[in-house]
Amino acid sequence: MFTLLIGCMAGILIFILFILGVVYLSTPSHLRNPEFAHHHFRIQMWVEGEYIDFGQDRFQEGYDDTSCGAGLTETPIHFHDNKDQLVHIHWDRIRGGEVLKYYGMNRIGGPDGYLGFRFDTGLFDRIPIFDNVLPESNQPMYVYQILEDGTVVERSYKDFLDQDLETFFGRKSSLTIQREEVQSNESFNFLAIKANAHNDVSTTSEEDKEYTEQELREINNLLGDVLIYIQNEKPSPEKVEQDAQNFVELGVSSCGG
């Protein structure tokens, strides 16, 4: 009887460890053990002809606008200040497909209700999606990147879904650059890192200063701009070129979410 009990307990333990292993391996490493990031990109998106206004309340999320620190946030992605197009990324190596899934459009597989599990807070915790606020559609996806010189380039939708955003846009976050530069410097203070994208300014003198587009991109730690069309037929070159001119203006700020 005792031997049978020990065998049952061992079997249960093995089963639990198996489940934990499956859960662990099913979640990408950047979600299992998230690291701090703070960068942005701008997105315009149409689903079967309907423009998605990310400035609507259903996409918006609050944030602590008094915090300039580099602490890891509870959620990896958000929109705020009722601002359309500007996506805030707070976990490192987030992929385009995870951004869409976070708002309910799952084109990367896995459970619909969450991105995966994180293991840095205890045994394991679900990473829930924000909400199912993007419309469902099985239509093809067409993706276009707008380069810094204004050139529009068609990209593989699979690259957008599967690559981390720095890789997809071909631009490193300022935080990534600093991390690479200071890997051997143990005294480096990540709390000093700031990435903007807010409407406030740190000093009165800055209010009258005019910034170039490139300076604003640097201030906002902006990785790039992307157009996404989910529809049966490819958008016309004329529409893509026209839409590429309609990104929201970048603001100036001293820090923020």
C-alpha atoms as a PDB file:
ATOM      1  CA  MET A   1       0.000   0.000   0.000  1.00  0.00           C
ATOM      2  CA  PHE A   2       2.796   2.411   0.950  1.00  0.00           C
ATOM      3  CA  THR A   3       4.639   1.573  -2.280  1.00  0.00           C
ATOM      4  CA  LEU A   4       1.469   2.256  -4.288  1.00  0.00           C
ATOM      5  CA  LEU A   5       1.021   5.619  -2.549  1.00  0.00           C
ATOM      6  CA  ILE A   6       4.598   6.605  -3.277  1.00  0.00           C
ATOM      7  CA  GLY A   7       4.123   5.570  -6.896  1.00  0.00           C
ATOM      8  CA  CYS A   8       0.949   7.655  -7.210  1.00  0.00           C
ATOM      9  CA  MET A   9       2.644  10.701  -5.693  1.00  0.00           C
ATOM     10  CA  ALA A  10       5.603  10.291  -8.019  1.00  0.00           C
ATOM     11  CA  GLY A  11       3.249   9.998 -10.979  1.00  0.00           C
ATOM     12  CA  ILE A  12       1.410  13.165  -9.953  1.00  0.00           C
ATOM     13  CA  LEU A  13       4.703  15.030  -9.519  1.00  0.00           C
ATOM     14  CA  ILE A  14       5.919  13.897 -12.933  1.00  0.00           C
ATOM     15  CA  PHE A  15       2.613  15.007 -14.492  1.00  0.00           C
ATOM     16  CA  ILE A  16       2.840  18.429 -12.832  1.00  0.00           C
ATOM     17  CA  LEU A  17       6.422  18.863 -14.000  1.00  0.00           C
ATOM     18  CA  PHE A  18       5.393  17.826 -17.503  1.00  0.00           C
ATOM     19  CA  ILE A  19       2.608  20.428 -17.567  1.00  0.00           C
ATOM     20  CA  LEU A  20       4.980  23.097 -16.271  1.00  0.00           C
ATOM     21  CA  GLY A  21       7.486  22.147 -18.949  1.00  0.00           C
ATOM     22  CA  VAL A  22       4.865  22.412 -21.684  1.00  0.00           C
ATOM     23  CA  VAL A  23       3.688  25.784 -20.363  1.00  0.00           C
ATOM     24  CA  TYR A  24       7.278  27.026 -20.104  1.00  0.00           C
ATOM     25  CA  LEU A  25       8.298  25.952 -23.588  1.00  0.00           C
ATOM     26  CA  SER A  26       5.082  27.201 -25.182  1.00  0.00           C
ATOM     27  CA  THR A  27       5.865  30.783 -24.155  1.00  0.00           C
ATOM     28  CA  PRO A  28       8.659  32.719 -25.924  1.00  0.00           C
ATOM     29  CA  SER A  29      11.595  33.574 -23.686  1.00  0.00           C
ATOM     30  CA  HIS A  30      10.971  37.333 -23.895  1.00  0.00           C
ATOM     31  CA  LEU A  31       7.549  36.788 -22.311  1.00  0.00           C
ATOM     32  CA  ARG A  32       8.634  34.102 -19.822  1.00  0.00           C
ATOM     33  CA  ASN A  33      11.172  36.469 -18.290  1.00  0.00           C
ATOM     34  CA  PRO A  34      10.321  39.972 -19.544  1.00  0.00           C
ATOM     35  CA  GLU A  35      12.873  42.766 -19.492  1.00  0.00           C
ATOM     36  CA  PHE A  36      12.252  46.492 -19.393  1.00  0.00           C
ATOM     37  CA  ALA A  37      11.937  48.438 -22.634  1.00  0.00           C
ATOM     38  CA  HIS A  38      10.443  51.772 -23.606  1.00  0.00           C
ATOM     39  CA  HIS A  39      10.058  52.474 -27.271  1.00  0.00           C
ATOM     40  CA  HIS A  40       7.269  53.314 -29.685  1.00  0.00           C
ATOM     41  CA  PHE A  41       6.015  52.887 -33.210  1.00  0.00           C
ATOM     42  CA  ARG A  42       3.148  54.385 -35.184  1.00  0.00           C
ATOM     43  CA  ILE A  43       0.529  52.215 -36.823  1.00  0.00           C
ATOM     44  CA  GLN A  44      -2.346  52.890 -39.183  1.00  0.00           C
ATOM     45  CA  MET A  45      -4.657  49.953 -39.702  1.00  0.00           C
ATOM     46  CA  TRP A  46      -7.705  49.119 -41.809  1.00  0.00           C
ATOM     47  CA  VAL A  47      -9.814  45.968 -41.457  1.00  0.00           C
ATOM     48  CA  GLU A  48     -12.054  45.290 -44.462  1.00  0.00           C
ATOM     49  CA  GLY A  49     -12.132  48.992 -45.241  1.00  0.00           C
ATOM     50  CA  GLU A  50     -12.763  50.165 -41.660  1.00  0.00           C
ATOM     51  CA  TYR A  51     -10.109  52.437 -40.197  1.00  0.00           C
ATOM     52  CA  ILE A  52      -9.109  51.421 -36.681  1.00  0.00           C
ATOM     53  CA  ASP A  53      -8.955  54.481 -34.451  1.00  0.00           C
ATOM     54  CA  PHE A  54      -6.713  53.464 -31.569  1.00  0.00           C
ATOM     55  CA  GLY A  55      -7.544  56.767 -29.883  1.00  0.00           C
ATOM     56  CA  GLN A  56     -10.997  55.436 -28.980  1.00  0.00           C
ATOM     57  CA  ASP A  57     -11.691  54.629 -25.341  1.00  0.00           C
ATOM     58  CA  ARG A  58     -11.882  50.884 -26.021  1.00  0.00           C
ATOM     59  CA  PHE A  59      -8.139  50.823 -26.796  1.00  0.00           C
ATOM     60  CA  GLN A  60      -6.987  53.236 -24.113  1.00  0.00           C
ATOM     61  CA  GLU A  61      -5.267  52.380 -20.850  1.00  0.00           C
ATOM     62  CA  GLY A  62      -4.216  54.491 -17.890  1.00  0.00           C
ATOM     63  CA  TYR A  63      -0.611  54.950 -16.803  1.00  0.00           C
ATOM     64  CA  ASP A  64       1.430  56.653 -14.124  1.00  0.00           C
ATOM     65  CA  ASP A  65       2.462  59.922 -15.767  1.00  0.00           C
ATOM     66  CA  THR A  66       4.590  60.896 -12.767  1.00  0.00           C
ATOM     67  CA  SER A  67       6.964  57.970 -13.159  1.00  0.00           C
ATOM     68  CA  CYS A  68      10.154  58.303 -15.159  1.00  0.00           C
ATOM     69  CA  GLY A  69      11.751  55.116 -13.876  1.00  0.00           C
ATOM     70  CA  ALA A  70      12.817  52.000 -15.693  1.00  0.00           C
ATOM     71  CA  GLY A  71      10.818  49.509 -13.679  1.00  0.00           C
ATOM     72  CA  LEU A  72       9.094  46.690 -15.520  1.00  0.00           C
ATOM     73  CA  THR A  73       5.418  47.470 -16.111  1.00  0.00           C
ATOM     74  CA  GLU A  74       2.631  44.982 -15.487  1.00  0.00           C
ATOM     75  CA  THR A  75       1.506  45.052 -19.122  1.00  0.00           C
ATOM     76  CA  PRO A  76       3.760  45.046 -22.187  1.00  0.00           C
ATOM     77  CA  ILE A  77       1.808  47.293 -24.578  1.00  0.00           C
ATOM     78  CA  HIS A  78      -0.592  50.214 -24.402  1.00  0.00           C
ATOM     79  CA  PHE A  79      -2.206  53.268 -25.950  1.00  0.00           C
ATOM     80  CA  HIS A  80      -3.010  56.287 -23.820  1.00  0.00           C
ATOM     81  CA  ASP A  81      -3.837  60.006 -23.730  1.00  0.00           C
ATOM     82  CA  ASN A  82      -6.594  59.254 -26.289  1.00  0.00           C
ATOM     83  CA  LYS A  83      -3.918  59.395 -28.955  1.00  0.00           C
ATOM     84  CA  ASP A  84      -4.345  57.367 -32.115  1.00  0.00           C
ATOM     85  CA  GLN A  85      -1.560  55.401 -33.850  1.00  0.00           C
ATOM     86  CA  LEU A  86       1.201  55.745 -31.249  1.00  0.00           C
ATOM     87  CA  VAL A  87       1.931  52.334 -29.706  1.00  0.00           C
ATOM     88  CA  HIS A  88       3.861  52.248 -26.419  1.00  0.00           C
ATOM     89  CA  ILE A  89       6.026  49.166 -25.886  1.00  0.00           C
ATOM     90  CA  HIS A  90       7.320  48.460 -22.362  1.00  0.00           C
ATOM     91  CA  TRP A  91       8.696  44.923 -22.624  1.00  0.00           C
ATOM     92  CA  ASP A  92      11.744  44.038 -24.652  1.00  0.00           C
ATOM     93  CA  ARG A  93      11.547  42.061 -27.937  1.00  0.00           C
ATOM     94  CA  ILE A  94       7.783  42.361 -28.390  1.00  0.00           C
ATOM     95  CA  ARG A  95       6.617  41.251 -31.853  1.00  0.00           C
ATOM     96  CA  GLY A  96       4.047  42.802 -34.149  1.00  0.00           C
ATOM     97  CA  GLY A  97       1.848  39.729 -33.915  1.00  0.00           C
ATOM     98  CA  GLU A  98       1.801  40.064 -30.134  1.00  0.00           C
ATOM     99  CA  VAL A  99       0.635  43.666 -30.442  1.00  0.00           C
ATOM    100  CA  LEU A 100      -2.332  42.594 -32.578  1.00  0.00           C
ATOM    101  CA  LYS A 101      -3.116  39.623 -30.343  1.00  0.00           C
ATOM    102  CA  TYR A 102      -3.016  41.872 -27.274  1.00  0.00           C
ATOM    103  CA  TYR A 103      -6.032  43.665 -28.723  1.00  0.00           C
ATOM    104  CA  GLY A 104      -7.839  40.499 -29.762  1.00  0.00           C
ATOM    105  CA  MET A 105      -6.612  39.764 -33.297  1.00  0.00           C
ATOM    106  CA  ASN A 106      -4.789  36.460 -33.002  1.00  0.00           C
ATOM    107  CA  ARG A 107      -2.728  35.654 -36.086  1.00  0.00           C
ATOM    108  CA  ILE A 108       0.139  33.955 -34.262  1.00  0.00           C
ATOM    109  CA  GLY A 109      -1.703  31.055 -32.628  1.00  0.00           C
ATOM    110  CA  GLY A 110      -1.832  29.935 -29.031  1.00  0.00           C
ATOM    111  CA  PRO A 111      -4.693  30.633 -26.618  1.00  0.00           C
ATOM    112  CA  ASP A 112      -6.843  33.597 -27.602  1.00  0.00           C
ATOM    113  CA  GLY A 113      -7.181  35.032 -24.105  1.00  0.00           C
ATOM    114  CA  TYR A 114      -3.539  35.508 -23.174  1.00  0.00           C
ATOM    115  CA  LEU A 115      -0.082  35.979 -24.690  1.00  0.00           C
ATOM    116  CA  GLY A 116       1.641  33.313 -22.613  1.00  0.00           C
ATOM    117  CA  PHE A 117       3.005  32.824 -19.109  1.00  0.00           C
ATOM    118  CA  ARG A 118       5.650  34.749 -17.208  1.00  0.00           C
ATOM    119  CA  PHE A 119       7.877  32.974 -14.705  1.00  0.00           C
ATOM    120  CA  ASP A 120       9.656  35.938 -13.128  1.00  0.00           C
ATOM    121  CA  THR A 121       6.953  36.700 -10.548  1.00  0.00           C
ATOM    122  CA  GLY A 122       6.615  33.270  -8.980  1.00  0.00           C
ATOM    123  CA  LEU A 123       5.710  29.864 -10.324  1.00  0.00           C
ATOM    124  CA  PHE A 124       3.959  31.128 -13.443  1.00  0.00           C
ATOM    125  CA  ASP A 125       1.389  33.843 -14.206  1.00  0.00           C
ATOM    126  CA  ARG A 126      -0.761  34.360 -17.259  1.00  0.00           C
ATOM    127  CA  ILE A 127      -0.081  37.386 -19.440  1.00  0.00           C
ATOM    128  CA  PRO A 128      -3.643  38.370 -20.361  1.00  0.00           C
ATOM    129  CA  ILE A 129      -4.570  40.245 -23.496  1.00  0.00           C
ATOM    130  CA  PHE A 130      -5.989  43.745 -23.074  1.00  0.00           C
ATOM    131  CA  ASP A 131      -9.361  42.951 -24.665  1.00  0.00           C
ATOM    132  CA  ASN A 132     -10.997  41.663 -27.847  1.00  0.00           C
ATOM    133  CA  VAL A 133     -11.329  45.123 -29.353  1.00  0.00           C
ATOM    134  CA  LEU A 134      -9.974  44.519 -32.857  1.00  0.00           C
ATOM    135  CA  PRO A 135     -12.533  43.157 -35.346  1.00  0.00           C
ATOM    136  CA  GLU A 136     -12.196  39.575 -36.505  1.00  0.00           C
ATOM    137  CA  SER A 137     -11.281  38.988 -40.137  1.00  0.00           C
ATOM    138  CA  ASN A 138      -9.826  36.141 -42.185  1.00  0.00           C
ATOM    139  CA  GLN A 139      -8.852  38.405 -45.058  1.00  0.00           C
ATOM    140  CA  PRO A 140      -5.211  38.653 -46.232  1.00  0.00           C
ATOM    141  CA  MET A 141      -2.869  41.087 -44.509  1.00  0.00           C
ATOM    142  CA  TYR A 142      -0.809  43.636 -46.435  1.00  0.00           C
ATOM    143  CA  VAL A 143       1.948  45.471 -44.575  1.00  0.00           C
ATOM    144  CA  TYR A 144       3.904  48.569 -45.595  1.00  0.00           C
ATOM    145  CA  GLN A 145       6.762  50.233 -43.781  1.00  0.00           C
ATOM    146  CA  ILE A 146       7.426  53.948 -44.174  1.00  0.00           C
ATOM    147  CA  LEU A 147      11.151  54.628 -44.078  1.00  0.00           C
ATOM    148  CA  GLU A 148      12.544  57.754 -42.430  1.00  0.00           C
ATOM    149  CA  ASP A 149      13.025  59.408 -45.829  1.00  0.00           C
ATOM    150  CA  GLY A 150       9.337  58.868 -46.613  1.00  0.00           C
ATOM    151  CA  THR A 151       9.826  55.906 -48.947  1.00  0.00           C
ATOM    152  CA  VAL A 152       7.048  53.317 -48.709  1.00  0.00           C
ATOM    153  CA  VAL A 153       8.182  49.692 -48.801  1.00  0.00           C
ATOM    154  CA  GLU A 154       5.925  46.643 -48.900  1.00  0.00           C
ATOM    155  CA  ARG A 155       6.916  44.118 -46.249  1.00  0.00           C
ATOM    156  CA  SER A 156       6.103  40.495 -45.557  1.00  0.00           C
ATOM    157  CA  TYR A 157       3.183  40.266 -43.144  1.00  0.00           C
ATOM    158  CA  LYS A 158       4.901  37.236 -41.611  1.00  0.00           C
ATOM    159  CA  ASP A 159       7.909  39.382 -40.747  1.00  0.00           C
ATOM    160  CA  PHE A 160       5.657  41.861 -38.954  1.00  0.00           C
ATOM    161  CA  LEU A 161       3.904  39.093 -37.047  1.00  0.00           C
ATOM    162  CA  ASP A 162       6.953  37.027 -36.128  1.00  0.00           C
ATOM    163  CA  GLN A 163       9.893  39.418 -35.791  1.00  0.00           C
ATOM    164  CA  ASP A 164      10.571  41.590 -32.773  1.00  0.00           C
ATOM    165  CA  LEU A 165       9.843  45.210 -33.622  1.00  0.00           C
ATOM    166  CA  GLU A 166      13.459  46.349 -33.586  1.00  0.00           C
ATOM    167  CA  THR A 167      14.322  43.667 -36.131  1.00  0.00           C
ATOM    168  CA  PHE A 168      11.275  44.389 -38.281  1.00  0.00           C
ATOM    169  CA  PHE A 169      11.893  48.142 -38.453  1.00  0.00           C
ATOM    170  CA  GLY A 170      15.659  47.721 -38.709  1.00  0.00           C
ATOM    171  CA  ARG A 171      16.230  50.242 -35.950  1.00  0.00           C
ATOM    172  CA  LYS A 172      17.557  49.693 -32.457  1.00  0.00           C
ATOM    173  CA  SER A 173      15.873  51.279 -29.472  1.00  0.00           C
ATOM    174  CA  SER A 174      18.028  53.840 -27.685  1.00  0.00           C
ATOM    175  CA  LEU A 175      17.818  51.589 -24.635  1.00  0.00           C
ATOM    176  CA  THR A 176      19.173  48.635 -26.613  1.00  0.00           C
ATOM    177  CA  ILE A 177      22.077  50.761 -27.820  1.00  0.00           C
ATOM    178  CA  GLN A 178      22.846  51.900 -24.287  1.00  0.00           C
ATOM    179  CA  ARG A 179      22.633  48.352 -22.977  1.00  0.00           C
ATOM    180  CA  GLU A 180      25.126  47.211 -25.579  1.00  0.00           C
ATOM    181  CA  GLU A 181      27.452  50.088 -24.763  1.00  0.00           C
ATOM    182  CA  VAL A 182      27.459  49.546 -21.027  1.00  0.00           C
ATOM    183  CA  GLN A 183      27.385  45.765 -20.678  1.00  0.00           C
ATOM    184  CA  SER A 184      30.675  45.896 -18.818  1.00  0.00           C
ATOM    185  CA  ASN A 185      29.784  48.994 -16.786  1.00  0.00           C
ATOM    186  CA  GLU A 186      28.106  47.783 -13.591  1.00  0.00           C
ATOM    187  CA  SER A 187      27.566  51.328 -12.331  1.00  0.00           C
ATOM    188  CA  PHE A 188      25.251  52.228 -15.220  1.00  0.00           C
ATOM    189  CA  ASN A 189      21.860  53.413 -13.923  1.00  0.00           C
ATOM    190  CA  PHE A 190      18.926  52.257 -16.026  1.00  0.00           C
ATOM    191  CA  LEU A 191      16.646  54.526 -14.002  1.00  0.00           C
ATOM    192  CA  ALA A 192      18.198  57.436 -15.852  1.00  0.00           C
ATOM    193  CA  ILE A 193      16.868  56.245 -19.193  1.00  0.00           C
ATOM    194  CA  LYS A 194      13.919  58.161 -20.594  1.00  0.00           C
ATOM    195  CA  ALA A 195      11.747  57.618 -23.652  1.00  0.00           C
ATOM    196  CA  ASN A 196       9.068  60.128 -24.356  1.00  0.00           C
ATOM    197  CA  ALA A 197       5.845  60.413 -26.392  1.00  0.00           C
ATOM    198  CA  HIS A 198       3.812  62.769 -24.250  1.00  0.00           C
ATOM    199  CA  ASN A 199       2.514  66.269 -24.684  1.00  0.00           C
ATOM    200  CA  ASP A 200       4.244  67.857 -21.712  1.00  0.00           C
ATOM    201  CA  VAL A 201       7.653  69.557 -21.778  1.00  0.00           C
ATOM    202  CA  SER A 202      10.231  69.656 -19.013  1.00  0.00           C
ATOM    203  CA  THR A 203      11.054  73.377 -19.166  1.00  0.00           C
ATOM    204  CA  THR A 204       9.341  76.512 -20.374  1.00  0.00           C
ATOM    205  CA  SER A 205      12.191  77.265 -22.773  1.00  0.00           C
ATOM    206  CA  GLU A 206      11.486  74.042 -24.668  1.00  0.00           C
ATOM    207  CA  GLU A 207       7.932  75.153 -25.463  1.00  0.00           C
ATOM    208  CA  ASP A 208       9.219  77.665 -28.004  1.00  0.00           C
ATOM    209  CA  LYS A 209      11.806  75.383 -29.537  1.00  0.00           C
ATOM    210  CA  GLU A 210      11.129  73.937 -32.967  1.00  0.00           C
ATOM    211  CA  TYR A 211      12.233  70.345 -33.478  1.00  0.00           C
ATOM    212  CA  THR A 212      12.976  68.589 -36.715  1.00  0.00           C
ATOM    213  CA  GLU A 213      11.131  65.374 -37.535  1.00  0.00           C
ATOM    214  CA  GLN A 214      14.316  63.412 -36.925  1.00  0.00           C
ATOM    215  CA  GLU A 215      14.809  65.031 -33.517  1.00  0.00           C
ATOM    216  CA  LEU A 216      11.243  64.153 -32.551  1.00  0.00           C
ATOM    217  CA  ARG A 217      11.775  60.568 -33.645  1.00  0.00           C
ATOM    218  CA  GLU A 218      14.835  60.400 -31.415  1.00  0.00           C
ATOM    219  CA  ILE A 219      13.052  62.045 -28.468  1.00  0.00           C
ATOM    220  CA  ASN A 220      10.193  59.564 -28.769  1.00  0.00           C
ATOM    221  CA  ASN A 221      12.498  56.583 -29.317  1.00  0.00           C
ATOM    222  CA  LEU A 222      10.366  55.814 -32.368  1.00  0.00           C
ATOM    223  CA  LEU A 223      11.286  52.587 -34.151  1.00  0.00           C
ATOM    224  CA  GLY A 224       9.227  53.270 -37.253  1.00  0.00           C
ATOM    225  CA  ASP A 225       5.868  53.634 -38.979  1.00  0.00           C
ATOM    226  CA  VAL A 226       3.693  50.903 -40.471  1.00  0.00           C
ATOM    227  CA  LEU A 227       0.505  50.647 -42.513  1.00  0.00           C
ATOM    228  CA  ILE A 228      -1.581  47.483 -42.231  1.00  0.00           C
ATOM    229  CA  TYR A 229      -4.483  46.569 -44.517  1.00  0.00           C
ATOM    230  CA  ILE A 230      -6.560  43.478 -43.817  1.00  0.00           C
ATOM    231  CA  GLN A 231      -8.750  43.032 -46.860  1.00  0.00           C
ATOM    232  CA  ASN A 232      -9.365  40.797 -49.828  1.00  0.00           C
ATOM    233  CA  GLU A 233      -7.428  42.794 -52.404  1.00  0.00           C
ATOM    234  CA  LYS A 234      -4.146  44.620 -52.223  1.00  0.00           C
ATOM    235  CA  PRO A 235      -4.534  48.384 -51.650  1.00  0.00           C
ATOM    236  CA  SER A 236      -3.741  50.631 -54.579  1.00  0.00           C
ATOM    237  CA  PRO A 237      -0.324  52.347 -54.614  1.00  0.00           C
ATOM    238  CA  GLU A 238      -2.137  55.691 -54.577  1.00  0.00           C
ATOM    239  CA  LYS A 239      -3.985  54.885 -51.350  1.00  0.00           C
ATOM    240  CA  VAL A 240      -0.849  53.610 -49.660  1.00  0.00           C
ATOM    241  CA  GLU A 241       1.080  56.734 -50.630  1.00  0.00           C
ATOM    242  CA  GLN A 242      -1.749  58.951 -49.405  1.00  0.00           C
ATOM    243  CA  ASP A 243      -2.102  57.099 -46.096  1.00  0.00           C
ATOM    244  CA  ALA A 244       1.644  57.315 -45.532  1.00  0.00           C
ATOM    245  CA  GLN A 245       1.227  61.097 -45.214  1.00  0.00           C
ATOM    246  CA  ASN A 246      -1.366  60.854 -42.439  1.00  0.00           C
ATOM    247  CA  PHE A 247       0.553  59.801 -39.343  1.00  0.00           C
ATOM    248  CA  VAL A 248      -0.095  61.719 -36.143  1.00  0.00           C
ATOM    249  CA  GLU A 249       2.468  64.318 -35.178  1.00  0.00           C
ATOM    250  CA  LEU A 250       5.057  63.432 -32.570  1.00  0.00           C
ATOM    251  CA  GLY A 251       5.022  65.386 -29.336  1.00  0.00           C
ATOM    252  CA  VAL A 252       7.756  66.484 -26.962  1.00  0.00           C
ATOM    253  CA  SER A 253       8.038  65.371 -23.363  1.00  0.00           C
ATOM    254  CA  SER A 254      10.462  64.913 -20.500  1.00  0.00           C
ATOM    255  CA  CYS A 255       9.524  61.306 -19.788  1.00  0.00           C
ATOM    256  CA  GLY A 256       6.454  59.160 -19.597  1.00  0.00           C
ATOM    257  CA  GLY A 257       4.609  55.940 -20.201  1.00  0.00           C
END
